[in-house]
């Protein structure tokens, strides 16, 4: 916000990440929540495999799959198909729930980051001298508080988390 400010110099990213230090626990939890999409996506073809192997193919249920399905259902292809449909619906529900959870949590973290950053920028703008505001204009400080502050969300939540989880 002032001429000697280091934001315009080589280390703005590190400074921006330092501003988000209080939220690293939340960002880590968001990363773990984002990583839970991979196992859910890997489970998506399992119901189709069960339907093809055990309903269409006529093979009997074996192993851990037989332990999960009641013995009465294991002998009927229609019951197995019903279990497969319920499993597919359950997996779709979990995938959507995970997606909504990531969206809500990332929105919450992003909004909190931006509001805290705006608060710090506003307090800093208030501490600047009137001569500075006369030289640069009050619009400069307002513009930075309103339009530059969301950069912290874009870097930390929209950039760092997807990069780390990829």
C-alpha atoms as a PDB file:
ATOM      1  CA  UNK A   1       0.000   0.000   0.000  1.00  0.00           C
ATOM      2  CA  UNK A   2       2.933   2.355   0.047  1.00  0.00           C
ATOM      3  CA  UNK A   3       5.820   3.085  -2.271  1.00  0.00           C
ATOM      4  CA  UNK A   4       8.315   0.985  -0.310  1.00  0.00           C
ATOM      5  CA  UNK A   5       5.972  -2.000  -0.084  1.00  0.00           C
ATOM      6  CA  UNK A   6       7.638  -5.289  -1.020  1.00  0.00           C
ATOM      7  CA  UNK A   7       4.507  -6.750  -2.683  1.00  0.00           C
ATOM      8  CA  UNK A   8       5.727  -5.418  -6.010  1.00  0.00           C
ATOM      9  CA  UNK A   9       9.137  -7.054  -5.543  1.00  0.00           C
ATOM     10  CA  UNK A  10      10.261 -10.658  -6.212  1.00  0.00           C
ATOM     11  CA  UNK A  11       8.649 -12.503  -3.280  1.00  0.00           C
ATOM     12  CA  UNK A  12       4.929 -11.682  -3.420  1.00  0.00           C
ATOM     13  CA  UNK A  13       3.905 -15.349  -3.481  1.00  0.00           C
ATOM     14  CA  UNK A  14       5.807 -16.173  -0.301  1.00  0.00           C
ATOM     15  CA  UNK A  15       4.371 -13.116   1.411  1.00  0.00           C
ATOM     16  CA  UNK A  16       0.864 -14.049   0.307  1.00  0.00           C
ATOM     17  CA  UNK A  17       1.322 -17.602   1.603  1.00  0.00           C
ATOM     18  CA  UNK A  18       2.617 -16.144   4.874  1.00  0.00           C
ATOM     19  CA  UNK A  19      -0.589 -14.123   5.192  1.00  0.00           C
ATOM     20  CA  UNK A  20      -2.534 -17.402   5.009  1.00  0.00           C
ATOM     21  CA  UNK A  21      -0.480 -19.053   7.776  1.00  0.00           C
ATOM     22  CA  UNK A  22      -3.412 -19.163  10.210  1.00  0.00           C
ATOM     23  CA  UNK A  23      -5.406 -21.248   7.744  1.00  0.00           C
ATOM     24  CA  UNK A  24      -2.870 -23.965   6.881  1.00  0.00           C
ATOM     25  CA  UNK A  25      -4.699 -26.488   9.081  1.00  0.00           C
ATOM     26  CA  UNK A  26      -7.915 -25.843   7.176  1.00  0.00           C
ATOM     27  CA  UNK A  27      -6.068 -25.969   3.863  1.00  0.00           C
ATOM     28  CA  UNK A  28      -4.555 -29.341   4.816  1.00  0.00           C
ATOM     29  CA  UNK A  29      -7.968 -30.695   5.759  1.00  0.00           C
ATOM     30  CA  UNK A  30      -9.338 -29.419   2.449  1.00  0.00           C
ATOM     31  CA  UNK A  31      -6.519 -31.258   0.695  1.00  0.00           C
ATOM     32  CA  UNK A  32      -7.409 -34.509   2.464  1.00  0.00           C
ATOM     33  CA  UNK A  33     -11.075 -34.015   1.622  1.00  0.00           C
ATOM     34  CA  UNK A  34     -10.094 -33.422  -2.014  1.00  0.00           C
ATOM     35  CA  UNK A  35      -7.944 -36.554  -2.001  1.00  0.00           C
ATOM     36  CA  UNK A  36     -10.945 -38.635  -0.935  1.00  0.00           C
ATOM     37  CA  UNK A  37     -12.287 -38.245  -4.481  1.00  0.00           C
ATOM     38  CA  UNK A  38      -9.729 -40.742  -5.831  1.00  0.00           C
ATOM     39  CA  UNK A  39     -10.856 -43.807  -3.840  1.00  0.00           C
ATOM     40  CA  UNK A  40     -14.487 -42.973  -4.536  1.00  0.00           C
ATOM     41  CA  UNK A  41     -13.772 -42.721  -8.256  1.00  0.00           C
ATOM     42  CA  UNK A  42     -11.955 -46.068  -8.136  1.00  0.00           C
ATOM     43  CA  UNK A  43     -15.005 -47.703  -6.548  1.00  0.00           C
ATOM     44  CA  UNK A  44     -17.351 -46.484  -9.302  1.00  0.00           C
ATOM     45  CA  UNK A  45     -16.891 -49.480 -11.681  1.00  0.00           C
ATOM     46  CA  UNK A  46     -17.274 -52.096  -8.907  1.00  0.00           C
ATOM     47  CA  UNK A  47     -21.095 -52.342  -9.096  1.00  0.00           C
ATOM     48  CA  UNK A  48     -20.933 -52.854 -12.872  1.00  0.00           C
ATOM     49  CA  UNK A  49     -18.293 -55.555 -12.412  1.00  0.00           C
ATOM     50  CA  UNK A  50     -20.483 -57.320  -9.853  1.00  0.00           C
ATOM     51  CA  UNK A  51     -23.496 -57.107 -12.168  1.00  0.00           C
ATOM     52  CA  UNK A  52     -21.579 -58.499 -15.145  1.00  0.00           C
ATOM     53  CA  UNK A  53     -19.789 -61.272 -13.252  1.00  0.00           C
ATOM     54  CA  UNK A  54     -22.525 -62.431 -10.895  1.00  0.00           C
ATOM     55  CA  UNK A  55     -25.838 -61.501 -12.524  1.00  0.00           C
ATOM     56  CA  UNK A  56     -25.128 -61.844 -16.243  1.00  0.00           C
ATOM     57  CA  UNK A  57     -22.247 -64.332 -15.914  1.00  0.00           C
ATOM     58  CA  UNK A  58     -24.007 -66.448 -13.305  1.00  0.00           C
ATOM     59  CA  UNK A  59     -20.948 -66.889 -11.077  1.00  0.00           C
ATOM     60  CA  UNK A  60     -21.586 -67.328  -7.368  1.00  0.00           C
ATOM     61  CA  UNK A  61     -20.509 -64.608  -4.965  1.00  0.00           C
ATOM     62  CA  UNK A  62     -17.211 -65.406  -3.262  1.00  0.00           C
ATOM     63  CA  UNK A  63     -14.729 -63.891  -0.847  1.00  0.00           C
ATOM     64  CA  UNK A  64     -15.418 -60.635   0.962  1.00  0.00           C
ATOM     65  CA  UNK A  65     -18.318 -59.908  -1.368  1.00  0.00           C
ATOM     66  CA  UNK A  66     -20.178 -62.974  -0.144  1.00  0.00           C
ATOM     67  CA  UNK A  67     -19.653 -61.865   3.454  1.00  0.00           C
ATOM     68  CA  UNK A  68     -21.219 -58.471   2.742  1.00  0.00           C
ATOM     69  CA  UNK A  69     -24.347 -59.796   1.044  1.00  0.00           C
ATOM     70  CA  UNK A  70     -26.906 -61.778   3.088  1.00  0.00           C
ATOM     71  CA  UNK A  71     -26.948 -65.499   2.201  1.00  0.00           C
ATOM     72  CA  UNK A  72     -30.594 -65.287   1.070  1.00  0.00           C
ATOM     73  CA  UNK A  73     -29.671 -62.650  -1.539  1.00  0.00           C
ATOM     74  CA  UNK A  74     -26.578 -64.504  -2.790  1.00  0.00           C
ATOM     75  CA  UNK A  75     -28.639 -67.246  -4.466  1.00  0.00           C
ATOM     76  CA  UNK A  76     -30.967 -64.935  -6.406  1.00  0.00           C
ATOM     77  CA  UNK A  77     -29.656 -62.968  -9.404  1.00  0.00           C
ATOM     78  CA  UNK A  78     -32.505 -60.473  -8.950  1.00  0.00           C
ATOM     79  CA  UNK A  79     -31.499 -59.841  -5.348  1.00  0.00           C
ATOM     80  CA  UNK A  80     -27.863 -59.400  -6.366  1.00  0.00           C
ATOM     81  CA  UNK A  81     -28.963 -56.964  -9.056  1.00  0.00           C
ATOM     82  CA  UNK A  82     -30.973 -55.031  -6.476  1.00  0.00           C
ATOM     83  CA  UNK A  83     -27.904 -54.909  -4.217  1.00  0.00           C
ATOM     84  CA  UNK A  84     -25.805 -53.681  -7.151  1.00  0.00           C
ATOM     85  CA  UNK A  85     -28.332 -50.921  -7.912  1.00  0.00           C
ATOM     86  CA  UNK A  86     -28.348 -49.846  -4.250  1.00  0.00           C
ATOM     87  CA  UNK A  87     -24.553 -49.902  -4.193  1.00  0.00           C
ATOM     88  CA  UNK A  88     -24.401 -47.770  -7.352  1.00  0.00           C
ATOM     89  CA  UNK A  89     -26.856 -45.255  -5.872  1.00  0.00           C
ATOM     90  CA  UNK A  90     -24.896 -45.185  -2.602  1.00  0.00           C
ATOM     91  CA  UNK A  91     -21.604 -44.573  -4.419  1.00  0.00           C
ATOM     92  CA  UNK A  92     -23.137 -41.803  -6.531  1.00  0.00           C
ATOM     93  CA  UNK A  93     -24.471 -40.213  -3.352  1.00  0.00           C
ATOM     94  CA  UNK A  94     -21.038 -40.402  -1.658  1.00  0.00           C
ATOM     95  CA  UNK A  95     -19.291 -38.939  -4.699  1.00  0.00           C
ATOM     96  CA  UNK A  96     -21.728 -36.024  -4.819  1.00  0.00           C
ATOM     97  CA  UNK A  97     -21.506 -35.540  -1.052  1.00  0.00           C
ATOM     98  CA  UNK A  98     -17.702 -35.383  -1.268  1.00  0.00           C
ATOM     99  CA  UNK A  99     -17.891 -32.905  -4.142  1.00  0.00           C
ATOM    100  CA  UNK A 100     -20.333 -30.643  -2.305  1.00  0.00           C
ATOM    101  CA  UNK A 101     -18.234 -30.908   0.864  1.00  0.00           C
ATOM    102  CA  UNK A 102     -15.090 -29.796  -0.984  1.00  0.00           C
ATOM    103  CA  UNK A 103     -16.969 -26.922  -2.619  1.00  0.00           C
ATOM    104  CA  UNK A 104     -18.516 -25.701   0.642  1.00  0.00           C
ATOM    105  CA  UNK A 105     -15.316 -26.005   2.658  1.00  0.00           C
ATOM    106  CA  UNK A 106     -13.179 -24.320  -0.003  1.00  0.00           C
ATOM    107  CA  UNK A 107     -15.723 -21.502  -0.242  1.00  0.00           C
ATOM    108  CA  UNK A 108     -15.707 -21.063   3.538  1.00  0.00           C
ATOM    109  CA  UNK A 109     -11.903 -21.057   3.730  1.00  0.00           C
ATOM    110  CA  UNK A 110     -11.608 -18.707   0.753  1.00  0.00           C
ATOM    111  CA  UNK A 111     -14.092 -16.211   2.148  1.00  0.00           C
ATOM    112  CA  UNK A 112     -12.430 -16.239   5.566  1.00  0.00           C
ATOM    113  CA  UNK A 113      -8.994 -15.753   3.989  1.00  0.00           C
ATOM    114  CA  UNK A 114     -10.200 -12.806   1.907  1.00  0.00           C
ATOM    115  CA  UNK A 115     -12.048 -11.139   4.789  1.00  0.00           C
ATOM    116  CA  UNK A 116      -9.068 -11.452   7.151  1.00  0.00           C
ATOM    117  CA  UNK A 117      -6.713 -10.167   4.463  1.00  0.00           C
ATOM    118  CA  UNK A 118      -9.031  -7.244   3.709  1.00  0.00           C
ATOM    119  CA  UNK A 119      -9.200  -6.459   7.414  1.00  0.00           C
ATOM    120  CA  UNK A 120      -5.397  -6.363   7.649  1.00  0.00           C
ATOM    121  CA  UNK A 121      -5.128  -4.224   4.518  1.00  0.00           C
ATOM    122  CA  UNK A 122      -7.764  -1.822   5.835  1.00  0.00           C
ATOM    123  CA  UNK A 123      -5.959  -1.416   9.161  1.00  0.00           C
ATOM    124  CA  UNK A 124      -2.730  -0.811   7.302  1.00  0.00           C
ATOM    125  CA  UNK A 125      -4.385   1.787   5.053  1.00  0.00           C
ATOM    126  CA  UNK A 126      -5.684   3.564   8.154  1.00  0.00           C
ATOM    127  CA  UNK A 127      -2.171   3.760   9.604  1.00  0.00           C
ATOM    128  CA  UNK A 128      -0.784   5.437   6.484  1.00  0.00           C
ATOM    129  CA  UNK A 129      -0.315   9.179   6.622  1.00  0.00           C
ATOM    130  CA  UNK A 130      -2.724  11.639   5.060  1.00  0.00           C
ATOM    131  CA  UNK A 131       0.129  12.832   2.855  1.00  0.00           C
ATOM    132  CA  UNK A 132       0.377   9.333   1.371  1.00  0.00           C
ATOM    133  CA  UNK A 133      -3.354   9.313   0.600  1.00  0.00           C
ATOM    134  CA  UNK A 134      -3.036  12.790  -0.921  1.00  0.00           C
ATOM    135  CA  UNK A 135      -0.158  11.624  -3.147  1.00  0.00           C
ATOM    136  CA  UNK A 136      -1.625   8.283  -4.244  1.00  0.00           C
ATOM    137  CA  UNK A 137      -5.303   9.046  -3.811  1.00  0.00           C
ATOM    138  CA  UNK A 138      -7.658   7.180  -1.543  1.00  0.00           C
ATOM    139  CA  UNK A 139      -8.895   5.159  -4.511  1.00  0.00           C
ATOM    140  CA  UNK A 140      -5.588   3.285  -4.605  1.00  0.00           C
ATOM    141  CA  UNK A 141      -6.078   1.886  -1.109  1.00  0.00           C
ATOM    142  CA  UNK A 142      -9.746   1.110  -1.735  1.00  0.00           C
ATOM    143  CA  UNK A 143      -8.927  -0.647  -5.002  1.00  0.00           C
ATOM    144  CA  UNK A 144      -6.308  -2.827  -3.323  1.00  0.00           C
ATOM    145  CA  UNK A 145      -8.629  -3.737  -0.457  1.00  0.00           C
ATOM    146  CA  UNK A 146     -11.579  -4.566  -2.698  1.00  0.00           C
ATOM    147  CA  UNK A 147     -10.011  -6.044  -5.835  1.00  0.00           C
ATOM    148  CA  UNK A 148      -6.502  -7.229  -4.919  1.00  0.00           C
ATOM    149  CA  UNK A 149      -7.392  -8.993  -1.657  1.00  0.00           C
ATOM    150  CA  UNK A 150      -9.125 -11.988  -3.358  1.00  0.00           C
ATOM    151  CA  UNK A 151      -5.721 -12.955  -4.782  1.00  0.00           C
ATOM    152  CA  UNK A 152      -5.037 -14.799  -1.532  1.00  0.00           C
ATOM    153  CA  UNK A 153      -8.000 -17.091  -2.186  1.00  0.00           C
ATOM    154  CA  UNK A 154      -6.957 -17.697  -5.784  1.00  0.00           C
ATOM    155  CA  UNK A 155      -3.424 -18.604  -4.776  1.00  0.00           C
ATOM    156  CA  UNK A 156      -4.093 -20.705  -1.672  1.00  0.00           C
ATOM    157  CA  UNK A 157      -7.476 -22.361  -2.231  1.00  0.00           C
ATOM    158  CA  UNK A 158      -7.850 -22.367  -6.024  1.00  0.00           C
ATOM    159  CA  UNK A 159      -4.160 -22.873  -6.830  1.00  0.00           C
ATOM    160  CA  UNK A 160      -2.216 -24.532  -4.026  1.00  0.00           C
ATOM    161  CA  UNK A 161      -4.793 -27.161  -2.987  1.00  0.00           C
ATOM    162  CA  UNK A 162      -5.420 -28.552  -6.516  1.00  0.00           C
ATOM    163  CA  UNK A 163      -1.693 -28.472  -7.205  1.00  0.00           C
ATOM    164  CA  UNK A 164      -0.905 -30.369  -3.998  1.00  0.00           C
ATOM    165  CA  UNK A 165      -3.662 -32.946  -4.470  1.00  0.00           C
ATOM    166  CA  UNK A 166      -2.731 -33.561  -8.094  1.00  0.00           C
END
